[in-house]
Every structure is written in C-alpha cells, then in structure tokens.
Amino acid sequence: MGKTSKYPAYSSGSVQLNGRTVSTAQKVGNDVRTNYNMDNDEKEIFSNIKSGMNNTLKNFNNISDSQRTQWGEQLNALKAQGIEQLNDIYNPMQENLKNDIASRFGNFDNSVFMDNLNNIMNKKSKAIADLSNDIMSVQNNLYTQELNNRMNTISFLSGLNTDLNNNMLNYMNAASANARAGNTYNAQAYSALGRNNLNNYMNLAGSALRFGSQSF
C-alpha cells in the first residue's frame, strides 16, 4: 500500500500593496492571528486621532484661561463699540435740548427741560441695558459655539477612526480569505492524493489476486 502524505500545514495568507505586505493571517501555536502592518504615516495618523479624541473628550466642558481672556477682549470691544454708538446718538440729542431750552427760557430750571432730558436719559439707559443683554447673549453664543466646534471635532475624528479601522479590517479579511483559499486547496489536494493512493492500492491488489489465480 502506498504511504499517505502527511496532512499539509496551515496555509498562511497575506495582502501586498505596492510591494509592501500590509496584512497577514497565520497560525501561531493553537491560534490563528490576523495582523495589519501600519506604515509610519498611518501610525502617526492613528496616534493623532486617538490623542485628539482623548484630549477633546477630557476637556470637553473646560474653558481655558486663555480662551476666557480672548472672549473677554472680544466682548469688551463689542461693548465699547456699542456705547460709542449710543453716545453718538443720545449726546447730540441732549446737546440740542440744552440749546433749545437755553434759547427759549434762558435756563434749565424748568419742567420742560427736565421732562425731555429724563425722556432722553431713560431711552439711553434702556439702550445700554439692551446692549448689556446682547453682550451676554453673545457670550453665551461663544460658549455654545465652542462646544459645537468640539463636538464637530469629536465627530470628525471618530469618522476618521472608523474609516481607518474599516480599512484595516478589510485588508485583514482579505488576508484571512487568502489563507482560507490556500487551506481549502491543500485539503482538496490532500484528499485527492489519498483517493489516488487508495485507487493505486486497489489496482495493485486486484492485479495480485488475478496473478495468484492463474494456473500453470
């Protein structure tokens, strides 16, 4: 009887891209391991993504002193600009009122002047209060926009991380598929060899029986 060949060893699989092996699948002990081999650029990108997500999440609700200072400068500039515009509106009104009262009454100690002056001052006070409310609204919007920017950053980095992981997984699946194809081929070849050896044995046995049954 012909001796059956030893069952073939596990067939490893790999994927190459531009001559570089990017993914492998191989048997190590009792484990089958699939690996993706990052190049230096991919390692740097992967590290930056993880670091960026970690820092953004860790400091998501924290506003740095430098950021607060920058916001304060922006708000103070808006406030100063608003007050300047209000003064440009109401100061001429007060001056015109004084000139009008002086020309008609010669002094400011009268109810007409005081009523009109109070009316102007009340309007100016309301305008300043509205300006303050607007400044607070801008401040809140700055904080909300900052959180939105951070959320967008997290979403962007998460998307990059998902794309990178999917890309690695696709290459590893391809390496595993190559390994399975190799093992399927080896198993079929081994099975075919076994059948061939069995057929050879049966043929030899049949020949021997026929030879032994002949008469001389």
N, C-alpha and C. Protein backbone atom coordinates (compact mmCIF):
# COMPACT_ATOMS: atom_id res chain seq x y z
N MET A 1 0.84 -1.20 0.00
CA MET A 1 0.00 0.00 0.00
C MET A 1 0.88 1.24 0.00
N GLY A 2 0.53 2.21 -0.82
CA GLY A 2 1.30 3.44 -0.85
C GLY A 2 1.15 4.22 0.44
N LYS A 3 2.17 4.89 0.84
CA LYS A 3 2.16 5.66 2.07
C LYS A 3 1.51 7.01 1.85
N THR A 4 0.45 7.31 2.66
CA THR A 4 -0.25 8.58 2.53
C THR A 4 0.62 9.74 3.00
N SER A 5 0.63 10.84 2.27
CA SER A 5 1.42 12.00 2.65
C SER A 5 0.88 12.64 3.92
N LYS A 6 1.75 13.27 4.65
CA LYS A 6 1.36 13.97 5.87
C LYS A 6 0.41 15.11 5.53
N TYR A 7 -0.60 15.32 6.41
CA TYR A 7 -1.58 16.38 6.16
C TYR A 7 -0.86 17.73 6.09
N PRO A 8 -1.17 18.54 5.11
CA PRO A 8 -0.43 19.81 4.91
C PRO A 8 -0.59 20.76 6.08
N ALA A 9 0.46 21.54 6.31
CA ALA A 9 0.44 22.55 7.38
C ALA A 9 -0.51 23.68 7.02
N TYR A 10 -0.85 24.48 8.04
CA TYR A 10 -1.77 25.61 7.82
C TYR A 10 -1.17 26.57 6.79
N SER A 11 -1.99 26.96 5.85
CA SER A 11 -1.54 27.89 4.82
C SER A 11 -1.79 29.32 5.28
N SER A 12 -0.74 30.09 5.41
CA SER A 12 -0.89 31.49 5.81
C SER A 12 -1.40 32.30 4.63
N GLY A 13 -1.91 33.51 4.92
CA GLY A 13 -2.39 34.39 3.87
C GLY A 13 -1.81 35.79 4.07
N SER A 14 -1.72 36.54 3.00
CA SER A 14 -1.20 37.91 3.11
C SER A 14 -1.78 38.76 1.98
N VAL A 15 -1.68 40.07 2.18
CA VAL A 15 -2.09 41.04 1.16
C VAL A 15 -0.94 42.02 0.98
N GLN A 16 -0.56 42.25 -0.25
CA GLN A 16 0.52 43.19 -0.55
C GLN A 16 -0.04 44.39 -1.32
N LEU A 17 0.51 45.54 -1.01
CA LEU A 17 0.12 46.77 -1.69
C LEU A 17 1.38 47.52 -2.09
N ASN A 18 1.57 47.68 -3.41
CA ASN A 18 2.79 48.32 -3.93
C ASN A 18 4.05 47.64 -3.40
N GLY A 19 3.98 46.32 -3.33
CA GLY A 19 5.14 45.56 -2.91
C GLY A 19 5.32 45.45 -1.41
N ARG A 20 4.47 46.12 -0.63
CA ARG A 20 4.58 46.06 0.84
C ARG A 20 3.48 45.16 1.38
N THR A 21 3.86 44.24 2.27
CA THR A 21 2.88 43.37 2.90
C THR A 21 2.11 44.17 3.94
N VAL A 22 0.83 44.42 3.67
CA VAL A 22 0.04 45.27 4.56
C VAL A 22 -0.75 44.45 5.58
N SER A 23 -1.01 43.17 5.27
CA SER A 23 -1.79 42.36 6.20
C SER A 23 -1.40 40.90 6.06
N THR A 24 -1.43 40.18 7.18
CA THR A 24 -1.09 38.75 7.19
C THR A 24 -2.09 37.98 8.04
N ALA A 25 -2.25 36.70 7.71
CA ALA A 25 -3.05 35.77 8.53
C ALA A 25 -2.22 34.49 8.65
N GLN A 26 -1.92 34.09 9.88
CA GLN A 26 -1.07 32.92 10.07
C GLN A 26 -1.41 32.23 11.38
N LYS A 27 -0.99 30.97 11.48
CA LYS A 27 -1.24 30.17 12.66
C LYS A 27 -0.04 30.26 13.59
N VAL A 28 -0.30 30.65 14.84
CA VAL A 28 0.75 30.74 15.85
C VAL A 28 0.31 29.85 17.02
N GLY A 29 0.95 28.72 17.15
CA GLY A 29 0.50 27.77 18.17
C GLY A 29 -0.88 27.26 17.83
N ASN A 30 -1.80 27.39 18.75
CA ASN A 30 -3.18 26.99 18.51
C ASN A 30 -4.06 28.13 18.04
N ASP A 31 -3.46 29.31 17.86
CA ASP A 31 -4.22 30.48 17.47
C ASP A 31 -3.98 30.82 16.00
N VAL A 32 -5.02 31.31 15.37
CA VAL A 32 -4.89 31.88 14.03
C VAL A 32 -4.97 33.39 14.18
N ARG A 33 -3.92 34.08 13.82
CA ARG A 33 -3.82 35.52 14.05
C ARG A 33 -3.80 36.28 12.73
N THR A 34 -4.58 37.34 12.71
CA THR A 34 -4.60 38.24 11.56
C THR A 34 -4.03 39.58 12.00
N ASN A 35 -3.16 40.12 11.20
CA ASN A 35 -2.45 41.34 11.59
C ASN A 35 -2.44 42.34 10.44
N TYR A 36 -2.56 43.63 10.82
CA TYR A 36 -2.41 44.70 9.84
C TYR A 36 -1.11 45.45 10.15
N ASN A 37 -0.28 45.64 9.15
CA ASN A 37 1.03 46.28 9.34
C ASN A 37 0.95 47.74 8.90
N MET A 38 0.83 48.65 9.87
CA MET A 38 0.78 50.07 9.56
C MET A 38 2.14 50.58 9.10
N ASP A 39 2.10 51.51 8.14
CA ASP A 39 3.34 52.21 7.82
C ASP A 39 3.47 53.39 8.79
N ASN A 40 4.57 54.10 8.71
CA ASN A 40 4.84 55.18 9.68
C ASN A 40 3.80 56.29 9.62
N ASP A 41 3.37 56.63 8.41
CA ASP A 41 2.36 57.68 8.27
C ASP A 41 1.05 57.27 8.93
N GLU A 42 0.64 56.03 8.72
CA GLU A 42 -0.59 55.54 9.33
C GLU A 42 -0.49 55.50 10.84
N LYS A 43 0.66 55.11 11.35
CA LYS A 43 0.86 55.09 12.80
C LYS A 43 0.70 56.49 13.39
N GLU A 44 1.27 57.49 12.70
CA GLU A 44 1.18 58.86 13.18
C GLU A 44 -0.26 59.36 13.14
N ILE A 45 -0.97 59.06 12.04
CA ILE A 45 -2.37 59.46 11.92
C ILE A 45 -3.21 58.79 13.01
N PHE A 46 -3.01 57.50 13.20
CA PHE A 46 -3.77 56.75 14.20
C PHE A 46 -3.52 57.31 15.59
N SER A 47 -2.27 57.62 15.89
CA SER A 47 -1.91 58.17 17.20
C SER A 47 -2.53 59.55 17.40
N ASN A 48 -2.48 60.38 16.36
CA ASN A 48 -3.05 61.73 16.45
C ASN A 48 -4.56 61.68 16.64
N ILE A 49 -5.23 60.75 15.97
CA ILE A 49 -6.67 60.61 16.13
C ILE A 49 -7.02 60.25 17.57
N LYS A 50 -6.34 59.25 18.11
CA LYS A 50 -6.61 58.82 19.48
C LYS A 50 -6.30 59.93 20.47
N SER A 51 -5.17 60.60 20.27
CA SER A 51 -4.78 61.69 21.18
C SER A 51 -5.78 62.84 21.10
N GLY A 52 -6.19 63.19 19.87
CA GLY A 52 -7.14 64.28 19.69
C GLY A 52 -8.49 64.00 20.33
N MET A 53 -8.99 62.78 20.15
CA MET A 53 -10.27 62.41 20.75
C MET A 53 -10.18 62.40 22.27
N ASN A 54 -9.08 61.88 22.80
CA ASN A 54 -8.91 61.80 24.25
C ASN A 54 -8.84 63.20 24.87
N ASN A 55 -8.06 64.09 24.26
CA ASN A 55 -7.92 65.44 24.81
C ASN A 55 -9.23 66.23 24.72
N THR A 56 -9.92 66.08 23.59
CA THR A 56 -11.17 66.82 23.41
C THR A 56 -12.24 66.34 24.39
N LEU A 57 -12.34 65.03 24.56
CA LEU A 57 -13.33 64.49 25.49
C LEU A 57 -12.99 64.84 26.94
N LYS A 58 -11.72 64.77 27.27
CA LYS A 58 -11.29 65.04 28.65
C LYS A 58 -11.54 66.50 29.03
N ASN A 59 -11.39 67.41 28.08
CA ASN A 59 -11.55 68.84 28.36
C ASN A 59 -12.80 69.42 27.72
N PHE A 60 -13.80 68.56 27.47
CA PHE A 60 -14.96 68.99 26.69
C PHE A 60 -15.65 70.21 27.30
N ASN A 61 -15.87 70.20 28.61
CA ASN A 61 -16.60 71.30 29.26
C ASN A 61 -15.68 72.34 29.90
N ASN A 62 -14.38 72.17 29.72
CA ASN A 62 -13.43 73.10 30.33
C ASN A 62 -13.05 74.21 29.35
N ILE A 63 -13.14 75.45 29.84
CA ILE A 63 -12.71 76.61 29.05
C ILE A 63 -11.42 77.14 29.64
N SER A 64 -10.38 77.18 28.85
CA SER A 64 -9.07 77.60 29.34
C SER A 64 -9.06 79.09 29.67
N ASP A 65 -8.09 79.48 30.50
CA ASP A 65 -7.94 80.89 30.86
C ASP A 65 -7.66 81.76 29.63
N SER A 66 -6.86 81.23 28.71
CA SER A 66 -6.55 82.00 27.50
C SER A 66 -7.80 82.18 26.64
N GLN A 67 -8.66 81.15 26.61
CA GLN A 67 -9.90 81.26 25.85
C GLN A 67 -10.83 82.29 26.49
N ARG A 68 -10.92 82.28 27.82
CA ARG A 68 -11.76 83.26 28.52
C ARG A 68 -11.25 84.68 28.30
N THR A 69 -9.93 84.83 28.33
CA THR A 69 -9.33 86.14 28.08
C THR A 69 -9.66 86.64 26.68
N GLN A 70 -9.55 85.74 25.71
CA GLN A 70 -9.86 86.11 24.33
C GLN A 70 -11.32 86.52 24.19
N TRP A 71 -12.21 85.74 24.81
CA TRP A 71 -13.63 86.10 24.76
C TRP A 71 -13.88 87.44 25.44
N GLY A 72 -13.22 87.64 26.60
CA GLY A 72 -13.39 88.90 27.32
C GLY A 72 -12.98 90.08 26.48
N GLU A 73 -11.89 89.95 25.75
CA GLU A 73 -11.43 91.03 24.88
C GLU A 73 -12.43 91.29 23.76
N GLN A 74 -12.99 90.24 23.21
CA GLN A 74 -13.99 90.41 22.15
C GLN A 74 -15.24 91.10 22.68
N LEU A 75 -15.70 90.67 23.86
CA LEU A 75 -16.92 91.24 24.44
C LEU A 75 -16.71 92.69 24.85
N ASN A 76 -15.55 93.00 25.41
CA ASN A 76 -15.25 94.38 25.80
C ASN A 76 -15.20 95.29 24.58
N ALA A 77 -14.64 94.76 23.49
CA ALA A 77 -14.58 95.55 22.25
C ALA A 77 -15.99 95.82 21.72
N LEU A 78 -16.86 94.78 21.78
CA LEU A 78 -18.24 94.96 21.33
C LEU A 78 -18.98 95.97 22.21
N LYS A 79 -18.75 95.88 23.53
CA LYS A 79 -19.41 96.79 24.46
C LYS A 79 -18.96 98.23 24.22
N ALA A 80 -17.64 98.42 24.08
CA ALA A 80 -17.12 99.76 23.84
C ALA A 80 -17.66 100.34 22.55
N GLN A 81 -17.75 99.50 21.52
CA GLN A 81 -18.28 99.96 20.24
C GLN A 81 -19.75 100.33 20.37
N GLY A 82 -20.52 99.52 21.12
CA GLY A 82 -21.94 99.80 21.31
C GLY A 82 -22.17 101.08 22.07
N ILE A 83 -21.40 101.30 23.15
CA ILE A 83 -21.55 102.52 23.95
C ILE A 83 -21.17 103.75 23.12
N GLU A 84 -20.16 103.61 22.31
CA GLU A 84 -19.76 104.73 21.46
C GLU A 84 -20.88 105.09 20.48
N GLN A 85 -21.52 104.08 19.92
CA GLN A 85 -22.63 104.33 19.00
C GLN A 85 -23.82 104.97 19.72
N LEU A 86 -24.09 104.51 20.97
CA LEU A 86 -25.19 105.11 21.73
C LEU A 86 -24.89 106.56 22.08
N ASN A 87 -23.64 106.82 22.44
CA ASN A 87 -23.26 108.22 22.74
C ASN A 87 -23.40 109.11 21.50
N ASP A 88 -23.06 108.54 20.34
CA ASP A 88 -23.20 109.30 19.10
C ASP A 88 -24.66 109.64 18.81
N ILE A 89 -25.55 108.80 19.32
CA ILE A 89 -26.98 109.04 19.10
C ILE A 89 -27.57 110.00 20.14
N TYR A 90 -27.30 109.72 21.43
CA TYR A 90 -28.00 110.44 22.50
C TYR A 90 -27.30 111.72 22.96
N ASN A 91 -25.99 111.79 22.85
CA ASN A 91 -25.31 113.02 23.28
C ASN A 91 -25.73 114.22 22.42
N PRO A 92 -25.82 114.09 21.11
CA PRO A 92 -26.33 115.23 20.32
C PRO A 92 -27.76 115.60 20.68
N MET A 93 -28.57 114.61 21.04
CA MET A 93 -29.94 114.90 21.43
C MET A 93 -29.96 115.74 22.71
N GLN A 94 -29.10 115.39 23.68
CA GLN A 94 -29.02 116.17 24.92
C GLN A 94 -28.52 117.59 24.64
N GLU A 95 -27.54 117.68 23.80
CA GLU A 95 -26.96 119.00 23.49
C GLU A 95 -27.98 119.88 22.76
N ASN A 96 -28.70 119.29 21.83
CA ASN A 96 -29.74 120.05 21.12
C ASN A 96 -30.84 120.52 22.07
N LEU A 97 -31.17 119.63 23.04
CA LEU A 97 -32.18 120.01 24.02
C LEU A 97 -31.72 121.19 24.87
N LYS A 98 -30.48 121.15 25.30
CA LYS A 98 -29.94 122.25 26.10
C LYS A 98 -29.98 123.57 25.31
N ASN A 99 -29.53 123.50 24.08
CA ASN A 99 -29.51 124.72 23.25
C ASN A 99 -30.92 125.26 23.03
N ASP A 100 -31.87 124.36 22.83
CA ASP A 100 -33.25 124.78 22.58
C ASP A 100 -33.85 125.43 23.83
N ILE A 101 -33.64 124.78 24.99
CA ILE A 101 -34.18 125.32 26.24
C ILE A 101 -33.51 126.66 26.59
N ALA A 102 -32.20 126.75 26.38
CA ALA A 102 -31.47 127.98 26.70
C ALA A 102 -31.95 129.15 25.84
N SER A 103 -32.22 128.85 24.57
CA SER A 103 -32.67 129.92 23.68
C SER A 103 -34.09 130.37 24.00
N ARG A 104 -34.90 129.48 24.53
CA ARG A 104 -36.31 129.83 24.79
C ARG A 104 -36.55 130.33 26.21
N PHE A 105 -35.83 129.69 27.17
CA PHE A 105 -36.11 130.04 28.58
C PHE A 105 -34.92 130.68 29.29
N GLY A 106 -33.76 130.55 28.73
CA GLY A 106 -32.59 131.17 29.34
C GLY A 106 -31.98 130.37 30.46
N ASN A 107 -32.62 129.32 30.93
CA ASN A 107 -32.06 128.46 31.97
C ASN A 107 -32.64 127.06 31.82
N PHE A 108 -32.08 126.15 32.63
CA PHE A 108 -32.51 124.74 32.54
C PHE A 108 -33.40 124.33 33.71
N ASP A 109 -33.75 125.31 34.55
CA ASP A 109 -34.54 125.01 35.74
C ASP A 109 -36.02 125.12 35.42
N ASN A 110 -36.49 124.20 34.56
CA ASN A 110 -37.90 124.20 34.23
C ASN A 110 -38.35 122.78 33.90
N SER A 111 -39.63 122.55 33.99
CA SER A 111 -40.17 121.19 33.83
C SER A 111 -40.03 120.68 32.40
N VAL A 112 -40.13 121.58 31.41
CA VAL A 112 -40.00 121.14 30.02
C VAL A 112 -38.64 120.52 29.78
N PHE A 113 -37.60 121.20 30.26
CA PHE A 113 -36.24 120.69 30.08
C PHE A 113 -36.05 119.37 30.81
N MET A 114 -36.49 119.33 32.08
CA MET A 114 -36.27 118.13 32.89
C MET A 114 -37.04 116.93 32.33
N ASP A 115 -38.28 117.17 31.88
CA ASP A 115 -39.07 116.06 31.32
C ASP A 115 -38.43 115.51 30.05
N ASN A 116 -38.02 116.41 29.18
CA ASN A 116 -37.38 115.96 27.94
C ASN A 116 -36.02 115.30 28.20
N LEU A 117 -35.29 115.90 29.16
CA LEU A 117 -33.98 115.31 29.50
C LEU A 117 -34.17 113.92 30.08
N ASN A 118 -35.14 113.77 30.99
CA ASN A 118 -35.40 112.45 31.59
C ASN A 118 -35.82 111.44 30.53
N ASN A 119 -36.59 111.91 29.56
CA ASN A 119 -37.03 111.03 28.48
C ASN A 119 -35.84 110.52 27.67
N ILE A 120 -34.92 111.45 27.36
CA ILE A 120 -33.71 111.06 26.62
C ILE A 120 -32.86 110.10 27.45
N MET A 121 -32.66 110.41 28.74
CA MET A 121 -31.83 109.58 29.60
C MET A 121 -32.44 108.19 29.79
N ASN A 122 -33.77 108.13 29.90
CA ASN A 122 -34.43 106.82 30.04
C ASN A 122 -34.22 105.96 28.80
N LYS A 123 -34.34 106.60 27.64
CA LYS A 123 -34.12 105.86 26.40
C LYS A 123 -32.67 105.38 26.29
N LYS A 124 -31.74 106.25 26.72
CA LYS A 124 -30.33 105.86 26.68
C LYS A 124 -30.06 104.71 27.65
N SER A 125 -30.65 104.78 28.86
CA SER A 125 -30.47 103.72 29.85
C SER A 125 -31.01 102.39 29.34
N LYS A 126 -32.20 102.46 28.70
CA LYS A 126 -32.77 101.24 28.14
C LYS A 126 -31.90 100.68 27.03
N ALA A 127 -31.33 101.56 26.21
CA ALA A 127 -30.46 101.11 25.13
C ALA A 127 -29.20 100.45 25.68
N ILE A 128 -28.66 101.03 26.78
CA ILE A 128 -27.46 100.44 27.41
C ILE A 128 -27.81 99.08 28.01
N ALA A 129 -29.01 98.96 28.63
CA ALA A 129 -29.44 97.68 29.19
C ALA A 129 -29.60 96.64 28.10
N ASP A 130 -30.19 97.05 26.99
CA ASP A 130 -30.34 96.13 25.86
C ASP A 130 -28.98 95.71 25.32
N LEU A 131 -28.05 96.66 25.30
CA LEU A 131 -26.70 96.35 24.85
C LEU A 131 -26.06 95.31 25.76
N SER A 132 -26.23 95.46 27.07
CA SER A 132 -25.68 94.50 28.03
C SER A 132 -26.27 93.11 27.82
N ASN A 133 -27.58 93.08 27.58
CA ASN A 133 -28.24 91.79 27.31
C ASN A 133 -27.70 91.15 26.03
N ASP A 134 -27.47 92.00 25.03
CA ASP A 134 -26.91 91.50 23.78
C ASP A 134 -25.51 90.94 24.00
N ILE A 135 -24.73 91.64 24.84
CA ILE A 135 -23.37 91.17 25.13
C ILE A 135 -23.42 89.81 25.83
N MET A 136 -24.34 89.64 26.78
CA MET A 136 -24.49 88.36 27.48
C MET A 136 -24.91 87.26 26.50
N SER A 137 -25.80 87.63 25.57
CA SER A 137 -26.23 86.66 24.56
C SER A 137 -25.05 86.24 23.68
N VAL A 138 -24.22 87.21 23.32
CA VAL A 138 -23.03 86.90 22.52
C VAL A 138 -22.10 85.98 23.30
N GLN A 139 -21.95 86.27 24.60
CA GLN A 139 -21.08 85.44 25.44
C GLN A 139 -21.60 83.99 25.48
N ASN A 140 -22.91 83.84 25.66
CA ASN A 140 -23.49 82.50 25.67
C ASN A 140 -23.31 81.80 24.32
N ASN A 141 -23.45 82.59 23.26
CA ASN A 141 -23.27 82.01 21.93
C ASN A 141 -21.83 81.57 21.69
N LEU A 142 -20.89 82.33 22.24
CA LEU A 142 -19.48 81.94 22.11
C LEU A 142 -19.23 80.60 22.79
N TYR A 143 -19.81 80.41 23.97
CA TYR A 143 -19.64 79.16 24.71
C TYR A 143 -20.32 78.01 23.96
N THR A 144 -21.56 78.27 23.48
CA THR A 144 -22.28 77.22 22.76
C THR A 144 -21.55 76.85 21.48
N GLN A 145 -21.05 77.84 20.76
CA GLN A 145 -20.32 77.59 19.52
C GLN A 145 -19.05 76.81 19.78
N GLU A 146 -18.39 77.12 20.88
CA GLU A 146 -17.16 76.38 21.22
C GLU A 146 -17.47 74.91 21.48
N LEU A 147 -18.56 74.64 22.21
CA LEU A 147 -18.94 73.25 22.47
C LEU A 147 -19.34 72.55 21.17
N ASN A 148 -20.03 73.28 20.29
CA ASN A 148 -20.39 72.70 18.99
C ASN A 148 -19.15 72.38 18.17
N ASN A 149 -18.17 73.28 18.22
CA ASN A 149 -16.92 73.03 17.49
C ASN A 149 -16.21 71.79 18.03
N ARG A 150 -16.24 71.64 19.36
CA ARG A 150 -15.59 70.47 19.96
C ARG A 150 -16.34 69.19 19.60
N MET A 151 -17.67 69.27 19.59
CA MET A 151 -18.45 68.11 19.18
C MET A 151 -18.19 67.75 17.73
N ASN A 152 -18.07 68.76 16.88
CA ASN A 152 -17.75 68.50 15.47
C ASN A 152 -16.37 67.89 15.33
N THR A 153 -15.44 68.34 16.17
CA THR A 153 -14.09 67.77 16.14
C THR A 153 -14.13 66.30 16.52
N ILE A 154 -14.90 65.98 17.57
CA ILE A 154 -15.02 64.59 18.01
C ILE A 154 -15.65 63.74 16.91
N SER A 155 -16.70 64.27 16.27
CA SER A 155 -17.37 63.53 15.20
C SER A 155 -16.43 63.31 14.02
N PHE A 156 -15.65 64.35 13.71
CA PHE A 156 -14.70 64.23 12.60
C PHE A 156 -13.63 63.18 12.90
N LEU A 157 -13.06 63.25 14.10
CA LEU A 157 -12.02 62.28 14.49
C LEU A 157 -12.59 60.88 14.58
N SER A 158 -13.82 60.77 15.09
CA SER A 158 -14.46 59.46 15.18
C SER A 158 -14.68 58.87 13.79
N GLY A 159 -15.08 59.72 12.85
CA GLY A 159 -15.25 59.26 11.48
C GLY A 159 -13.95 58.78 10.86
N LEU A 160 -12.87 59.54 11.09
CA LEU A 160 -11.56 59.12 10.60
C LEU A 160 -11.13 57.80 11.22
N ASN A 161 -11.39 57.66 12.53
CA ASN A 161 -11.02 56.43 13.23
C ASN A 161 -11.80 55.24 12.67
N THR A 162 -13.09 55.45 12.41
CA THR A 162 -13.91 54.38 11.84
C THR A 162 -13.42 53.99 10.45
N ASP A 163 -13.12 54.99 9.62
CA ASP A 163 -12.63 54.72 8.27
C ASP A 163 -11.30 53.97 8.31
N LEU A 164 -10.43 54.39 9.22
CA LEU A 164 -9.13 53.73 9.32
C LEU A 164 -9.28 52.28 9.79
N ASN A 165 -10.14 52.07 10.80
CA ASN A 165 -10.37 50.71 11.29
C ASN A 165 -11.02 49.83 10.23
N ASN A 166 -11.98 50.40 9.49
CA ASN A 166 -12.62 49.62 8.42
C ASN A 166 -11.63 49.26 7.33
N ASN A 167 -10.73 50.18 7.02
CA ASN A 167 -9.71 49.90 6.01
C ASN A 167 -8.80 48.77 6.46
N MET A 168 -8.38 48.82 7.75
CA MET A 168 -7.53 47.75 8.27
C MET A 168 -8.28 46.42 8.28
N LEU A 169 -9.56 46.47 8.69
CA LEU A 169 -10.36 45.25 8.76
C LEU A 169 -10.54 44.63 7.38
N ASN A 170 -10.74 45.46 6.37
CA ASN A 170 -10.88 44.94 5.01
C ASN A 170 -9.62 44.21 4.55
N TYR A 171 -8.48 44.78 4.83
CA TYR A 171 -7.23 44.12 4.45
C TYR A 171 -7.02 42.83 5.24
N MET A 172 -7.36 42.84 6.54
CA MET A 172 -7.20 41.62 7.34
C MET A 172 -8.17 40.53 6.88
N ASN A 173 -9.39 40.93 6.52
CA ASN A 173 -10.34 39.95 5.98
C ASN A 173 -9.83 39.36 4.67
N ALA A 174 -9.20 40.21 3.85
CA ALA A 174 -8.64 39.72 2.59
C ALA A 174 -7.52 38.73 2.85
N ALA A 175 -6.66 39.02 3.85
CA ALA A 175 -5.58 38.08 4.19
C ALA A 175 -6.16 36.77 4.70
N SER A 176 -7.20 36.85 5.53
CA SER A 176 -7.84 35.63 6.04
C SER A 176 -8.47 34.83 4.91
N ALA A 177 -9.08 35.54 3.95
CA ALA A 177 -9.68 34.86 2.80
C ALA A 177 -8.62 34.15 1.97
N ASN A 178 -7.46 34.78 1.82
CA ASN A 178 -6.37 34.14 1.10
C ASN A 178 -5.89 32.90 1.82
N ALA A 179 -5.82 32.99 3.16
CA ALA A 179 -5.41 31.82 3.94
C ALA A 179 -6.43 30.69 3.80
N ARG A 180 -7.73 31.04 3.86
CA ARG A 180 -8.76 30.01 3.72
C ARG A 180 -8.70 29.36 2.34
N ALA A 181 -8.45 30.18 1.32
CA ALA A 181 -8.34 29.63 -0.03
C ALA A 181 -7.17 28.65 -0.12
N GLY A 182 -6.05 29.02 0.49
CA GLY A 182 -4.88 28.13 0.48
C GLY A 182 -5.15 26.84 1.23
N ASN A 183 -5.82 26.94 2.37
CA ASN A 183 -6.11 25.73 3.16
C ASN A 183 -7.14 24.86 2.46
N THR A 184 -8.11 25.48 1.78
CA THR A 184 -9.09 24.71 1.01
C THR A 184 -8.40 23.94 -0.11
N TYR A 185 -7.49 24.63 -0.77
CA TYR A 185 -6.74 23.97 -1.85
C TYR A 185 -5.91 22.81 -1.31
N ASN A 186 -5.21 23.04 -0.18
CA ASN A 186 -4.38 21.99 0.41
C ASN A 186 -5.23 20.78 0.82
N ALA A 187 -6.40 21.08 1.42
CA ALA A 187 -7.27 19.98 1.86
C ALA A 187 -7.78 19.18 0.67
N GLN A 188 -8.16 19.87 -0.40
CA GLN A 188 -8.64 19.17 -1.58
C GLN A 188 -7.53 18.37 -2.23
N ALA A 189 -6.33 18.96 -2.27
CA ALA A 189 -5.19 18.24 -2.85
C ALA A 189 -4.85 17.01 -2.03
N TYR A 190 -4.90 17.16 -0.69
CA TYR A 190 -4.62 16.03 0.20
C TYR A 190 -5.65 14.93 0.01
N SER A 191 -6.93 15.34 -0.09
CA SER A 191 -8.00 14.36 -0.29
C SER A 191 -7.85 13.64 -1.62
N ALA A 192 -7.51 14.41 -2.67
CA ALA A 192 -7.32 13.81 -3.98
C ALA A 192 -6.14 12.84 -3.97
N LEU A 193 -5.06 13.21 -3.27
CA LEU A 193 -3.90 12.34 -3.18
C LEU A 193 -4.27 11.05 -2.45
N GLY A 194 -5.07 11.19 -1.38
CA GLY A 194 -5.49 9.99 -0.65
C GLY A 194 -6.32 9.07 -1.52
N ARG A 195 -7.23 9.65 -2.29
CA ARG A 195 -8.05 8.81 -3.18
C ARG A 195 -7.19 8.14 -4.25
N ASN A 196 -6.21 8.87 -4.75
CA ASN A 196 -5.32 8.31 -5.77
C ASN A 196 -4.50 7.16 -5.20
N ASN A 197 -4.00 7.34 -3.97
CA ASN A 197 -3.23 6.25 -3.32
C ASN A 197 -4.10 5.02 -3.10
N LEU A 198 -5.37 5.27 -2.71
CA LEU A 198 -6.28 4.15 -2.48
C LEU A 198 -6.57 3.42 -3.78
N ASN A 199 -6.77 4.19 -4.86
CA ASN A 199 -7.03 3.56 -6.15
C ASN A 199 -5.82 2.75 -6.62
N ASN A 200 -4.63 3.30 -6.41
CA ASN A 200 -3.42 2.56 -6.78
C ASN A 200 -3.31 1.27 -6.00
N TYR A 201 -3.64 1.33 -4.70
CA TYR A 201 -3.57 0.14 -3.86
C TYR A 201 -4.59 -0.90 -4.34
N MET A 202 -5.80 -0.45 -4.65
CA MET A 202 -6.83 -1.37 -5.10
C MET A 202 -6.44 -2.00 -6.43
N ASN A 203 -5.83 -1.22 -7.29
CA ASN A 203 -5.38 -1.77 -8.58
C ASN A 203 -4.30 -2.81 -8.37
N LEU A 204 -3.35 -2.51 -7.49
CA LEU A 204 -2.28 -3.47 -7.22
C LEU A 204 -2.84 -4.74 -6.59
N ALA A 205 -3.78 -4.54 -5.67
CA ALA A 205 -4.36 -5.71 -5.01
C ALA A 205 -5.12 -6.57 -6.02
N GLY A 206 -5.84 -5.92 -6.92
CA GLY A 206 -6.58 -6.66 -7.94
C GLY A 206 -5.65 -7.42 -8.85
N SER A 207 -4.55 -6.79 -9.21
CA SER A 207 -3.57 -7.45 -10.09
C SER A 207 -2.98 -8.66 -9.39
N ALA A 208 -2.70 -8.48 -8.11
CA ALA A 208 -2.10 -9.60 -7.36
C ALA A 208 -3.06 -10.76 -7.27
N LEU A 209 -4.32 -10.48 -7.07
CA LEU A 209 -5.32 -11.55 -6.98
C LEU A 209 -5.46 -12.26 -8.32
N ARG A 210 -5.46 -11.47 -9.38
CA ARG A 210 -5.59 -12.08 -10.69
C ARG A 210 -4.38 -12.95 -11.00
N PHE A 211 -3.19 -12.46 -10.62
CA PHE A 211 -1.97 -13.22 -10.86
C PHE A 211 -1.97 -14.50 -10.04
N GLY A 212 -2.43 -14.42 -8.81
CA GLY A 212 -2.43 -15.59 -7.93
C GLY A 212 -3.44 -16.62 -8.36
N SER A 213 -4.45 -16.29 -9.10
CA SER A 213 -5.49 -17.24 -9.50
C SER A 213 -5.17 -17.94 -10.80
N GLN A 214 -4.07 -17.55 -11.49
CA GLN A 214 -3.71 -18.18 -12.76
C GLN A 214 -3.13 -19.57 -12.50
N SER A 215 -3.40 -20.52 -13.45
CA SER A 215 -2.88 -21.90 -13.37
C SER A 215 -1.71 -22.07 -14.33
N PHE A 216 -0.73 -22.86 -13.91
CA PHE A 216 0.46 -23.10 -14.75
C PHE A 216 0.55 -24.60 -15.03
